[in-house]
PDB file of all heavy atoms in Angstrom:
ATOM      1  N   LEU A   1      15.958   6.978  12.761  1.00  0.00           N
ATOM      2  CA  LEU A   1      16.642   7.906  13.654  1.00  0.00           C
ATOM      3  C   LEU A   1      17.496   7.135  14.688  1.00  0.00           C
ATOM      4  O   LEU A   1      18.586   7.591  15.064  1.00  0.00           O
ATOM      5  CB  LEU A   1      15.631   8.788  14.379  1.00  0.00           C
ATOM      6  CG  LEU A   1      14.968   9.865  13.522  1.00  0.00           C
ATOM      7  CD1 LEU A   1      13.866  10.582  14.306  1.00  0.00           C
ATOM      8  CD2 LEU A   1      16.016  10.890  13.044  1.00  0.00           C
ATOM      9  N   GLU A   2      16.971   6.004  15.118  1.00  0.00           N
ATOM     10  CA  GLU A   2      17.656   5.270  16.184  1.00  0.00           C
ATOM     11  C   GLU A   2      18.717   4.306  15.646  1.00  0.00           C
ATOM     12  O   GLU A   2      19.816   4.205  16.231  1.00  0.00           O
ATOM     13  CB  GLU A   2      16.630   4.530  17.016  1.00  0.00           C
ATOM     14  CG  GLU A   2      17.231   3.861  18.260  1.00  0.00           C
ATOM     15  CD  GLU A   2      16.188   3.283  19.163  1.00  0.00           C
ATOM     16  OE1 GLU A   2      14.970   3.492  18.908  1.00  0.00           O
ATOM     17  OE2 GLU A   2      16.571   2.626  20.149  1.00  0.00           O
ATOM     18  N   PHE A   3      18.381   3.583  14.551  1.00  0.00           N
ATOM     19  CA  PHE A   3      19.308   2.535  14.094  1.00  0.00           C
ATOM     20  C   PHE A   3      19.865   2.785  12.689  1.00  0.00           C
ATOM     21  O   PHE A   3      20.762   2.064  12.252  1.00  0.00           O
ATOM     22  CB  PHE A   3      18.598   1.171  14.115  1.00  0.00           C
ATOM     23  CG  PHE A   3      18.100   0.776  15.461  1.00  0.00           C
ATOM     24  CD1 PHE A   3      16.744   0.820  15.755  1.00  0.00           C
ATOM     25  CD2 PHE A   3      18.980   0.360  16.454  1.00  0.00           C
ATOM     26  CE1 PHE A   3      16.272   0.447  17.020  1.00  0.00           C
ATOM     27  CE2 PHE A   3      18.515  -0.029  17.710  1.00  0.00           C
ATOM     28  CZ  PHE A   3      17.169   0.031  17.990  1.00  0.00           C
ATOM     29  N   GLY A   4      19.279   3.749  11.941  1.00  0.00           N
ATOM     30  CA  GLY A   4      19.705   3.983  10.575  1.00  0.00           C
ATOM     31  C   GLY A   4      18.836   3.242   9.553  1.00  0.00           C
ATOM     32  O   GLY A   4      18.199   2.236   9.864  1.00  0.00           O
ATOM     33  N   ASP A   5      18.854   3.755   8.321  1.00  0.00           N
ATOM     34  CA  ASP A   5      17.957   3.161   7.291  1.00  0.00           C
ATOM     35  C   ASP A   5      18.455   1.855   6.728  1.00  0.00           C
ATOM     36  O   ASP A   5      17.757   1.180   5.956  1.00  0.00           O
ATOM     37  CB  ASP A   5      17.708   4.166   6.160  1.00  0.00           C
ATOM     38  CG  ASP A   5      19.016   4.575   5.476  1.00  0.00           C
ATOM     39  OD1 ASP A   5      20.052   4.060   5.856  1.00  0.00           O
ATOM     40  OD2 ASP A   5      18.946   5.382   4.538  1.00  0.00           O
ATOM     41  N   THR A   6      19.679   1.464   7.045  1.00  0.00           N
ATOM     42  CA  THR A   6      20.195   0.184   6.549  1.00  0.00           C
ATOM     43  C   THR A   6      20.066  -0.945   7.575  1.00  0.00           C
ATOM     44  O   THR A   6      20.468  -2.074   7.317  1.00  0.00           O
ATOM     45  CB  THR A   6      21.671   0.316   6.141  1.00  0.00           C
ATOM     46  OG1 THR A   6      22.441   0.721   7.264  1.00  0.00           O
ATOM     47  CG2 THR A   6      21.804   1.344   4.997  1.00  0.00           C
ATOM     48  N   SER A   7      19.543  -0.608   8.742  1.00  0.00           N
ATOM     49  CA  SER A   7      19.424  -1.612   9.795  1.00  0.00           C
ATOM     50  C   SER A   7      18.357  -2.655   9.387  1.00  0.00           C
ATOM     51  O   SER A   7      17.495  -2.417   8.555  1.00  0.00           O
ATOM     52  CB  SER A   7      18.998  -0.944  11.120  1.00  0.00           C
ATOM     53  OG  SER A   7      17.722  -0.379  10.982  1.00  0.00           O
ATOM     54  N   ASP A   8      18.497  -3.833  10.009  1.00  0.00           N
ATOM     55  CA  ASP A   8      17.515  -4.904   9.745  1.00  0.00           C
ATOM     56  C   ASP A   8      16.110  -4.456  10.102  1.00  0.00           C
ATOM     57  O   ASP A   8      15.149  -4.782   9.392  1.00  0.00           O
ATOM     58  CB  ASP A   8      17.903  -6.156  10.551  1.00  0.00           C
ATOM     59  CG  ASP A   8      19.155  -6.830  10.024  1.00  0.00           C
ATOM     60  OD1 ASP A   8      19.544  -6.531   8.862  1.00  0.00           O
ATOM     61  OD2 ASP A   8      19.747  -7.635  10.771  1.00  0.00           O
ATOM     62  N   GLU A   9      16.005  -3.743  11.228  1.00  0.00           N
ATOM     63  CA  GLU A   9      14.685  -3.272  11.673  1.00  0.00           C
ATOM     64  C   GLU A   9      14.053  -2.373  10.617  1.00  0.00           C
ATOM     65  O   GLU A   9      12.862  -2.487  10.307  1.00  0.00           O
ATOM     66  CB  GLU A   9      14.816  -2.525  12.997  1.00  0.00           C
ATOM     67  CG  GLU A   9      15.182  -3.384  14.191  1.00  0.00           C
ATOM     68  CD  GLU A   9      16.688  -3.567  14.321  1.00  0.00           C
ATOM     69  OE1 GLU A   9      17.413  -3.150  13.402  1.00  0.00           O
ATOM     70  OE2 GLU A   9      17.109  -4.106  15.354  1.00  0.00           O
ATOM     71  N   ALA A  10      14.878  -1.465  10.083  1.00  0.00           N
ATOM     72  CA  ALA A  10      14.376  -0.518   9.077  1.00  0.00           C
ATOM     73  C   ALA A  10      13.993  -1.253   7.797  1.00  0.00           C
ATOM     74  O   ALA A  10      12.949  -0.977   7.182  1.00  0.00           O
ATOM     75  CB  ALA A  10      15.420   0.546   8.789  1.00  0.00           C
ATOM     76  N   GLN A  11      14.807  -2.195   7.354  1.00  0.00           N
ATOM     77  CA  GLN A  11      14.545  -2.967   6.138  1.00  0.00           C
ATOM     78  C   GLN A  11      13.292  -3.813   6.244  1.00  0.00           C
ATOM     79  O   GLN A  11      12.563  -3.981   5.279  1.00  0.00           O
ATOM     80  CB  GLN A  11      15.760  -3.806   5.757  1.00  0.00           C
ATOM     81  CG  GLN A  11      17.007  -3.011   5.328  1.00  0.00           C
ATOM     82  CD  GLN A  11      16.686  -2.063   4.195  1.00  0.00           C
ATOM     83  OE1 GLN A  11      16.183  -2.512   3.132  1.00  0.00           O
ATOM     84  NE2 GLN A  11      16.978  -0.784   4.357  1.00  0.00           N
ATOM     85  N   ASN A  12      13.065  -4.385   7.441  1.00  0.00           N
ATOM     86  CA  ASN A  12      11.851  -5.166   7.662  1.00  0.00           C
ATOM     87  C   ASN A  12      10.613  -4.270   7.524  1.00  0.00           C
ATOM     88  O   ASN A  12       9.580  -4.672   6.944  1.00  0.00           O
ATOM     89  CB  ASN A  12      11.873  -5.810   9.035  1.00  0.00           C
ATOM     90  CG  ASN A  12      12.833  -6.971   9.105  1.00  0.00           C
ATOM     91  OD1 ASN A  12      13.170  -7.589   8.098  1.00  0.00           O
ATOM     92  ND2 ASN A  12      13.316  -7.279  10.307  1.00  0.00           N
ATOM     93  N   LEU A  13      10.718  -3.066   8.046  1.00  0.00           N
ATOM     94  CA  LEU A  13       9.584  -2.138   7.967  1.00  0.00           C
ATOM     95  C   LEU A  13       9.369  -1.671   6.510  1.00  0.00           C
ATOM     96  O   LEU A  13       8.233  -1.483   6.090  1.00  0.00           O
ATOM     97  CB  LEU A  13       9.812  -0.926   8.871  1.00  0.00           C
ATOM     98  CG  LEU A  13       9.492  -1.151  10.323  1.00  0.00           C
ATOM     99  CD1 LEU A  13       9.872   0.065  11.182  1.00  0.00           C
ATOM    100  CD2 LEU A  13       7.989  -1.440  10.525  1.00  0.00           C
ATOM    101  N   VAL A  14      10.451  -1.504   5.786  1.00  0.00           N
ATOM    102  CA  VAL A  14      10.327  -1.114   4.375  1.00  0.00           C
ATOM    103  C   VAL A  14       9.519  -2.161   3.606  1.00  0.00           C
ATOM    104  O   VAL A  14       8.660  -1.827   2.786  1.00  0.00           O
ATOM    105  CB  VAL A  14      11.728  -0.958   3.716  1.00  0.00           C
ATOM    106  CG1 VAL A  14      11.600  -0.885   2.204  1.00  0.00           C
ATOM    107  CG2 VAL A  14      12.428   0.302   4.242  1.00  0.00           C
ATOM    108  N   LYS A  15       9.827  -3.430   3.878  1.00  0.00           N
ATOM    109  CA  LYS A  15       9.079  -4.506   3.210  1.00  0.00           C
ATOM    110  C   LYS A  15       7.592  -4.482   3.588  1.00  0.00           C
ATOM    111  O   LYS A  15       6.712  -4.627   2.743  1.00  0.00           O
ATOM    112  CB  LYS A  15       9.681  -5.865   3.555  1.00  0.00           C
ATOM    113  CG  LYS A  15       9.007  -7.027   2.804  1.00  0.00           C
ATOM    114  CD  LYS A  15       9.660  -8.347   3.152  1.00  0.00           C
ATOM    115  CE  LYS A  15       9.101  -9.453   2.248  1.00  0.00           C
ATOM    116  NZ  LYS A  15       7.624  -9.505   2.223  1.00  0.00           N
ATOM    117  N   LYS A  16       7.322  -4.277   4.872  1.00  0.00           N
ATOM    118  CA  LYS A  16       5.925  -4.218   5.351  1.00  0.00           C
ATOM    119  C   LYS A  16       5.187  -3.049   4.680  1.00  0.00           C
ATOM    120  O   LYS A  16       4.043  -3.171   4.237  1.00  0.00           O
ATOM    121  CB  LYS A  16       5.864  -4.082   6.860  1.00  0.00           C
ATOM    122  CG  LYS A  16       6.227  -5.337   7.631  1.00  0.00           C
ATOM    123  CD  LYS A  16       6.090  -5.104   9.119  1.00  0.00           C
ATOM    124  CE  LYS A  16       6.441  -6.356   9.922  1.00  0.00           C
ATOM    125  NZ  LYS A  16       6.313  -6.164  11.378  1.00  0.00           N
ATOM    126  N   ILE A  17       5.863  -1.878   4.659  1.00  0.00           N
ATOM    127  CA  ILE A  17       5.253  -0.696   4.078  1.00  0.00           C
ATOM    128  C   ILE A  17       5.007  -0.886   2.570  1.00  0.00           C
ATOM    129  O   ILE A  17       3.959  -0.514   2.045  1.00  0.00           O
ATOM    130  CB  ILE A  17       6.164   0.539   4.315  1.00  0.00           C
ATOM    131  CG1 ILE A  17       6.150   0.908   5.807  1.00  0.00           C
ATOM    132  CG2 ILE A  17       5.702   1.730   3.477  1.00  0.00           C
ATOM    133  CD1 ILE A  17       7.154   1.980   6.176  1.00  0.00           C
ATOM    134  N   THR A  18       5.981  -1.492   1.891  1.00  0.00           N
ATOM    135  CA  THR A  18       5.843  -1.730   0.451  1.00  0.00           C
ATOM    136  C   THR A  18       4.691  -2.673   0.163  1.00  0.00           C
ATOM    137  O   THR A  18       3.853  -2.443  -0.743  1.00  0.00           O
ATOM    138  CB  THR A  18       7.143  -2.307  -0.121  1.00  0.00           C
ATOM    139  OG1 THR A  18       8.216  -1.391   0.127  1.00  0.00           O
ATOM    140  CG2 THR A  18       7.020  -2.538  -1.637  1.00  0.00           C
ATOM    141  N   ASP A  19       4.634  -3.785   0.900  1.00  0.00           N
ATOM    142  CA  ASP A  19       3.554  -4.769   0.698  1.00  0.00           C
ATOM    143  C   ASP A  19       2.193  -4.152   1.002  1.00  0.00           C
ATOM    144  O   ASP A  19       1.230  -4.356   0.231  1.00  0.00           O
ATOM    145  CB  ASP A  19       3.784  -5.971   1.581  1.00  0.00           C
ATOM    146  CG  ASP A  19       4.977  -6.803   1.182  1.00  0.00           C
ATOM    147  OD1 ASP A  19       5.461  -6.632   0.038  1.00  0.00           O
ATOM    148  OD2 ASP A  19       5.435  -7.643   1.982  1.00  0.00           O
ATOM    149  N   LEU A  20       2.104  -3.416   2.097  1.00  0.00           N
ATOM    150  CA  LEU A  20       0.821  -2.837   2.469  1.00  0.00           C
ATOM    151  C   LEU A  20       0.386  -1.765   1.487  1.00  0.00           C
ATOM    152  O   LEU A  20      -0.802  -1.658   1.152  1.00  0.00           O
ATOM    153  CB  LEU A  20       0.927  -2.238   3.895  1.00  0.00           C
ATOM    154  CG  LEU A  20      -0.373  -1.655   4.465  1.00  0.00           C
ATOM    155  CD1 LEU A  20      -1.481  -2.716   4.507  1.00  0.00           C
ATOM    156  CD2 LEU A  20      -0.112  -1.106   5.871  1.00  0.00           C
ATOM    157  N   SER A  21       1.353  -0.973   0.965  1.00  0.00           N
ATOM    158  CA  SER A  21       1.032   0.048  -0.015  1.00  0.00           C
ATOM    159  C   SER A  21       0.469  -0.589  -1.295  1.00  0.00           C
ATOM    160  O   SER A  21      -0.487  -0.072  -1.886  1.00  0.00           O
ATOM    161  CB  SER A  21       2.285   0.874  -0.334  1.00  0.00           C
ATOM    162  OG  SER A  21       2.720   1.631   0.767  1.00  0.00           O
ATOM    163  N   GLY A  22       1.054  -1.711  -1.678  1.00  0.00           N
ATOM    164  CA  GLY A  22       0.555  -2.393  -2.876  1.00  0.00           C
ATOM    165  C   GLY A  22      -0.859  -2.905  -2.672  1.00  0.00           C
ATOM    166  O   GLY A  22      -1.707  -2.765  -3.556  1.00  0.00           O
ATOM    167  N   GLU A  23      -1.141  -3.530  -1.516  1.00  0.00           N
ATOM    168  CA  GLU A  23      -2.482  -4.020  -1.218  1.00  0.00           C
ATOM    169  C   GLU A  23      -3.490  -2.861  -1.167  1.00  0.00           C
ATOM    170  O   GLU A  23      -4.615  -2.984  -1.683  1.00  0.00           O
ATOM    171  CB  GLU A  23      -2.482  -4.766   0.116  1.00  0.00           C
ATOM    172  CG  GLU A  23      -1.714  -6.068   0.095  1.00  0.00           C
ATOM    173  CD  GLU A  23      -1.656  -6.719   1.462  1.00  0.00           C
ATOM    174  OE1 GLU A  23      -2.381  -6.245   2.353  1.00  0.00           O
ATOM    175  OE2 GLU A  23      -0.897  -7.679   1.658  1.00  0.00           O
ATOM    176  N   LEU A  24      -3.057  -1.751  -0.566  1.00  0.00           N
ATOM    177  CA  LEU A  24      -3.935  -0.589  -0.462  1.00  0.00           C
ATOM    178  C   LEU A  24      -4.298  -0.016  -1.833  1.00  0.00           C
ATOM    179  O   LEU A  24      -5.447   0.304  -2.108  1.00  0.00           O
ATOM    180  CB  LEU A  24      -3.260   0.493   0.392  1.00  0.00           C
ATOM    181  CG  LEU A  24      -4.037   1.804   0.597  1.00  0.00           C
ATOM    182  CD1 LEU A  24      -5.394   1.562   1.214  1.00  0.00           C
ATOM    183  CD2 LEU A  24      -3.201   2.783   1.448  1.00  0.00           C
ATOM    184  N   ASN A  25      -3.290   0.066  -2.707  1.00  0.00           N
ATOM    185  CA  ASN A  25      -3.545   0.596  -4.055  1.00  0.00           C
ATOM    186  C   ASN A  25      -4.476  -0.345  -4.834  1.00  0.00           C
ATOM    187  O   ASN A  25      -5.339   0.135  -5.583  1.00  0.00           O
ATOM    188  CB  ASN A  25      -2.212   0.755  -4.795  1.00  0.00           C
ATOM    189  CG  ASN A  25      -1.402   1.923  -4.289  1.00  0.00           C
ATOM    190  OD1 ASN A  25      -1.931   2.873  -3.748  1.00  0.00           O
ATOM    191  ND2 ASN A  25      -0.076   1.843  -4.440  1.00  0.00           N
ATOM    192  N   ASP A  26      -4.273  -1.642  -4.685  1.00  0.00           N
ATOM    193  CA  ASP A  26      -5.144  -2.597  -5.354  1.00  0.00           C
ATOM    194  C   ASP A  26      -6.591  -2.449  -4.879  1.00  0.00           C
ATOM    195  O   ASP A  26      -7.529  -2.450  -5.690  1.00  0.00           O
ATOM    196  CB  ASP A  26      -4.706  -4.033  -5.098  1.00  0.00           C
ATOM    197  CG  ASP A  26      -3.396  -4.387  -5.842  1.00  0.00           C
ATOM    198  OD1 ASP A  26      -3.051  -3.624  -6.771  1.00  0.00           O
ATOM    199  OD2 ASP A  26      -2.755  -5.383  -5.475  1.00  0.00           O
ATOM    200  N   ASN A  27      -6.779  -2.296  -3.595  1.00  0.00           N
ATOM    201  CA  ASN A  27      -8.137  -2.143  -3.026  1.00  0.00           C
ATOM    202  C   ASN A  27      -8.770  -0.827  -3.465  1.00  0.00           C
ATOM    203  O   ASN A  27      -9.987  -0.763  -3.719  1.00  0.00           O
ATOM    204  CB  ASN A  27      -8.086  -2.259  -1.499  1.00  0.00           C
ATOM    205  CG  ASN A  27      -7.859  -3.682  -1.031  1.00  0.00           C
ATOM    206  OD1 ASN A  27      -8.229  -4.620  -1.691  1.00  0.00           O
ATOM    207  ND2 ASN A  27      -7.245  -3.830   0.151  1.00  0.00           N
ATOM    208  N   LYS A  28      -7.966   0.228  -3.519  1.00  0.00           N
ATOM    209  CA  LYS A  28      -8.484   1.508  -3.978  1.00  0.00           C
ATOM    210  C   LYS A  28      -8.917   1.431  -5.440  1.00  0.00           C
ATOM    211  O   LYS A  28      -9.932   2.039  -5.845  1.00  0.00           O
ATOM    212  CB  LYS A  28      -7.450   2.618  -3.816  1.00  0.00           C
ATOM    213  CG  LYS A  28      -7.285   3.076  -2.365  1.00  0.00           C
ATOM    214  CD  LYS A  28      -6.289   4.230  -2.269  1.00  0.00           C
ATOM    215  CE  LYS A  28      -6.228   4.769  -0.844  1.00  0.00           C
ATOM    216  NZ  LYS A  28      -5.269   5.915  -0.721  1.00  0.00           N
ATOM    217  N   THR A  29      -8.162   0.701  -6.247  1.00  0.00           N
ATOM    218  CA  THR A  29      -8.511   0.533  -7.652  1.00  0.00           C
ATOM    219  C   THR A  29      -9.850  -0.243  -7.769  1.00  0.00           C
ATOM    220  O   THR A  29     -10.726   0.120  -8.566  1.00  0.00           O
ATOM    221  CB  THR A  29      -7.425  -0.250  -8.394  1.00  0.00           C
ATOM    222  OG1 THR A  29      -6.222   0.495  -8.359  1.00  0.00           O
ATOM    223  CG2 THR A  29      -7.803  -0.494  -9.856  1.00  0.00           C
ATOM    224  N   ARG A  30     -10.005  -1.318  -6.991  1.00  0.00           N
ATOM    225  CA  ARG A  30     -11.260  -2.082  -6.965  1.00  0.00           C
ATOM    226  C   ARG A  30     -12.430  -1.192  -6.585  1.00  0.00           C
ATOM    227  O   ARG A  30     -13.503  -1.230  -7.211  1.00  0.00           O
ATOM    228  CB  ARG A  30     -11.147  -3.252  -5.976  1.00  0.00           C
ATOM    229  CG  ARG A  30     -10.257  -4.387  -6.431  1.00  0.00           C
ATOM    230  CD  ARG A  30     -10.090  -5.404  -5.323  1.00  0.00           C
ATOM    231  NE  ARG A  30     -11.376  -5.941  -4.925  1.00  0.00           N
ATOM    232  CZ  ARG A  30     -11.642  -6.492  -3.724  1.00  0.00           C
ATOM    233  NH1 ARG A  30     -10.647  -6.583  -2.834  1.00  0.00           N
ATOM    234  NH2 ARG A  30     -12.820  -6.958  -3.441  1.00  0.00           N
ATOM    235  N   LEU A  31     -12.236  -0.372  -5.566  1.00  0.00           N
ATOM    236  CA  LEU A  31     -13.305   0.497  -5.097  1.00  0.00           C
ATOM    237  C   LEU A  31     -13.658   1.557  -6.147  1.00  0.00           C
ATOM    238  O   LEU A  31     -14.848   1.820  -6.417  1.00  0.00           O
ATOM    239  CB  LEU A  31     -12.865   1.200  -3.797  1.00  0.00           C
ATOM    240  CG  LEU A  31     -13.940   2.065  -3.119  1.00  0.00           C
ATOM    241  CD1 LEU A  31     -15.128   1.225  -2.692  1.00  0.00           C
ATOM    242  CD2 LEU A  31     -13.347   2.818  -1.931  1.00  0.00           C
ATOM    243  N   ASN A  32     -12.623   2.155  -6.760  1.00  0.00           N
ATOM    244  CA  ASN A  32     -12.888   3.144  -7.801  1.00  0.00           C
ATOM    245  C   ASN A  32     -13.631   2.565  -8.988  1.00  0.00           C
ATOM    246  O   ASN A  32     -14.541   3.206  -9.538  1.00  0.00           O
ATOM    247  CB  ASN A  32     -11.554   3.756  -8.285  1.00  0.00           C
ATOM    248  CG  ASN A  32     -10.917   4.682  -7.233  1.00  0.00           C
ATOM    249  OD1 ASN A  32     -11.613   5.204  -6.373  1.00  0.00           O
ATOM    250  ND2 ASN A  32      -9.619   4.859  -7.314  1.00  0.00           N
ATOM    251  N   ASN A  33     -13.240   1.354  -9.373  1.00  0.00           N
ATOM    252  CA  ASN A  33     -13.921   0.688 -10.481  1.00  0.00           C
ATOM    253  C   ASN A  33     -15.391   0.405 -10.154  1.00  0.00           C
ATOM    254  O   ASN A  33     -16.261   0.589 -11.013  1.00  0.00           O
ATOM    255  CB  ASN A  33     -13.209  -0.626 -10.856  1.00  0.00           C
ATOM    256  CG  ASN A  33     -11.862  -0.395 -11.489  1.00  0.00           C
ATOM    257  OD1 ASN A  33     -11.572   0.680 -12.017  1.00  0.00           O
ATOM    258  ND2 ASN A  33     -11.007  -1.414 -11.481  1.00  0.00           N
ATOM    259  N   ALA A  34     -15.639  -0.021  -8.939  1.00  0.00           N
ATOM    260  CA  ALA A  34     -17.014  -0.309  -8.519  1.00  0.00           C
ATOM    261  C   ALA A  34     -17.852   0.973  -8.482  1.00  0.00           C
ATOM    262  O   ALA A  34     -19.006   0.997  -8.937  1.00  0.00           O
ATOM    263  CB  ALA A  34     -17.006  -0.969  -7.129  1.00  0.00           C
ATOM    264  N   GLU A  35     -17.268   2.041  -7.974  1.00  0.00           N
ATOM    265  CA  GLU A  35     -17.979   3.330  -7.906  1.00  0.00           C
ATOM    266  C   GLU A  35     -18.233   3.877  -9.297  1.00  0.00           C
ATOM    267  O   GLU A  35     -19.313   4.455  -9.550  1.00  0.00           O
ATOM    268  CB  GLU A  35     -17.183   4.315  -7.077  1.00  0.00           C
ATOM    269  CG  GLU A  35     -17.175   3.960  -5.578  1.00  0.00           C
ATOM    270  CD  GLU A  35     -16.318   4.873  -4.753  1.00  0.00           C
ATOM    271  OE1 GLU A  35     -15.418   5.540  -5.343  1.00  0.00           O
ATOM    272  OE2 GLU A  35     -16.541   4.965  -3.520  1.00  0.00           O
ATOM    273  N   LYS A  36     -17.272   3.709 -10.215  1.00  0.00           N
ATOM    274  CA  LYS A  36     -17.468   4.181 -11.583  1.00  0.00           C
ATOM    275  C   LYS A  36     -18.575   3.388 -12.274  1.00  0.00           C
ATOM    276  O   LYS A  36     -19.406   3.954 -12.987  1.00  0.00           O
ATOM    277  CB  LYS A  36     -16.181   4.035 -12.372  1.00  0.00           C
ATOM    278  CG  LYS A  36     -16.269   4.595 -13.818  1.00  0.00           C
ATOM    279  CD  LYS A  36     -14.944   4.460 -14.539  1.00  0.00           C
ATOM    280  CE  LYS A  36     -15.063   5.099 -15.940  1.00  0.00           C
ATOM    281  NZ  LYS A  36     -16.111   4.471 -16.746  1.00  0.00           N
ATOM    282  N   ALA A  37     -18.612   2.062 -12.041  1.00  0.00           N
ATOM    283  CA  ALA A  37     -19.640   1.232 -12.633  1.00  0.00           C
ATOM    284  C   ALA A  37     -21.016   1.645 -12.126  1.00  0.00           C
ATOM    285  O   ALA A  37     -21.992   1.699 -12.879  1.00  0.00           O
ATOM    286  CB  ALA A  37     -19.378  -0.250 -12.311  1.00  0.00           C
ATOM    287  N   ALA A  38     -21.092   1.960 -10.829  1.00  0.00           N
ATOM    288  CA  ALA A  38     -22.364   2.385 -10.248  1.00  0.00           C
ATOM    289  C   ALA A  38     -22.799   3.736 -10.815  1.00  0.00           C
ATOM    290  O   ALA A  38     -23.979   3.942 -11.121  1.00  0.00           O
ATOM    291  CB  ALA A  38     -22.223   2.471  -8.740  1.00  0.00           C
ATOM    292  N   GLU A  39     -21.846   4.633 -11.015  1.00  0.00           N
ATOM    293  CA  GLU A  39     -22.155   5.957 -11.571  1.00  0.00           C
ATOM    294  C   GLU A  39     -22.584   5.843 -13.022  1.00  0.00           C
ATOM    295  O   GLU A  39     -23.544   6.479 -13.472  1.00  0.00           O
ATOM    296  CB  GLU A  39     -20.940   6.902 -11.464  1.00  0.00           C
ATOM    297  CG  GLU A  39     -21.127   8.258 -12.055  1.00  0.00           C
ATOM    298  CD  GLU A  39     -22.269   9.033 -11.387  1.00  0.00           C
ATOM    299  OE1 GLU A  39     -22.538   8.775 -10.203  1.00  0.00           O
ATOM    300  OE2 GLU A  39     -22.859   9.910 -12.066  1.00  0.00           O
ATOM    301  N   ASP A  40     -21.878   4.991 -13.792  1.00  0.00           N
ATOM    302  CA  ASP A  40     -22.257   4.770 -15.202  1.00  0.00           C
ATOM    303  C   ASP A  40     -23.676   4.187 -15.295  1.00  0.00           C
ATOM    304  O   ASP A  40     -24.449   4.585 -16.177  1.00  0.00           O
ATOM    305  CB  ASP A  40     -21.277   3.805 -15.865  1.00  0.00           C
ATOM    306  CG  ASP A  40     -19.907   4.429 -16.081  1.00  0.00           C
ATOM    307  OD1 ASP A  40     -19.799   5.667 -15.982  1.00  0.00           O
ATOM    308  OD2 ASP A  40     -18.944   3.678 -16.336  1.00  0.00           O
ATOM    309  N   LEU A  41     -24.000   3.261 -14.404  1.00  0.00           N
ATOM    310  CA  LEU A  41     -25.343   2.669 -14.395  1.00  0.00           C
ATOM    311  C   LEU A  41     -26.398   3.716 -14.054  1.00  0.00           C
ATOM    312  O   LEU A  41     -27.439   3.790 -14.681  1.00  0.00           O
ATOM    313  CB  LEU A  41     -25.398   1.513 -13.379  1.00  0.00           C
ATOM    314  CG  LEU A  41     -26.781   0.865 -13.222  1.00  0.00           C
ATOM    315  CD1 LEU A  41     -27.263   0.298 -14.537  1.00  0.00           C
ATOM    316  CD2 LEU A  41     -26.728  -0.227 -12.161  1.00  0.00           C
TER     317      LEU A  41
END
């Protein structure tokens, strides 16, 4: 809203959001696999 989506500030945040989203998805997958293994057991 303040600087536009092509600004350096916005692009830096895009990278942070993308990286963090990837880490979050990986951790959720690990957790789901662990919970499924526990349920199967």
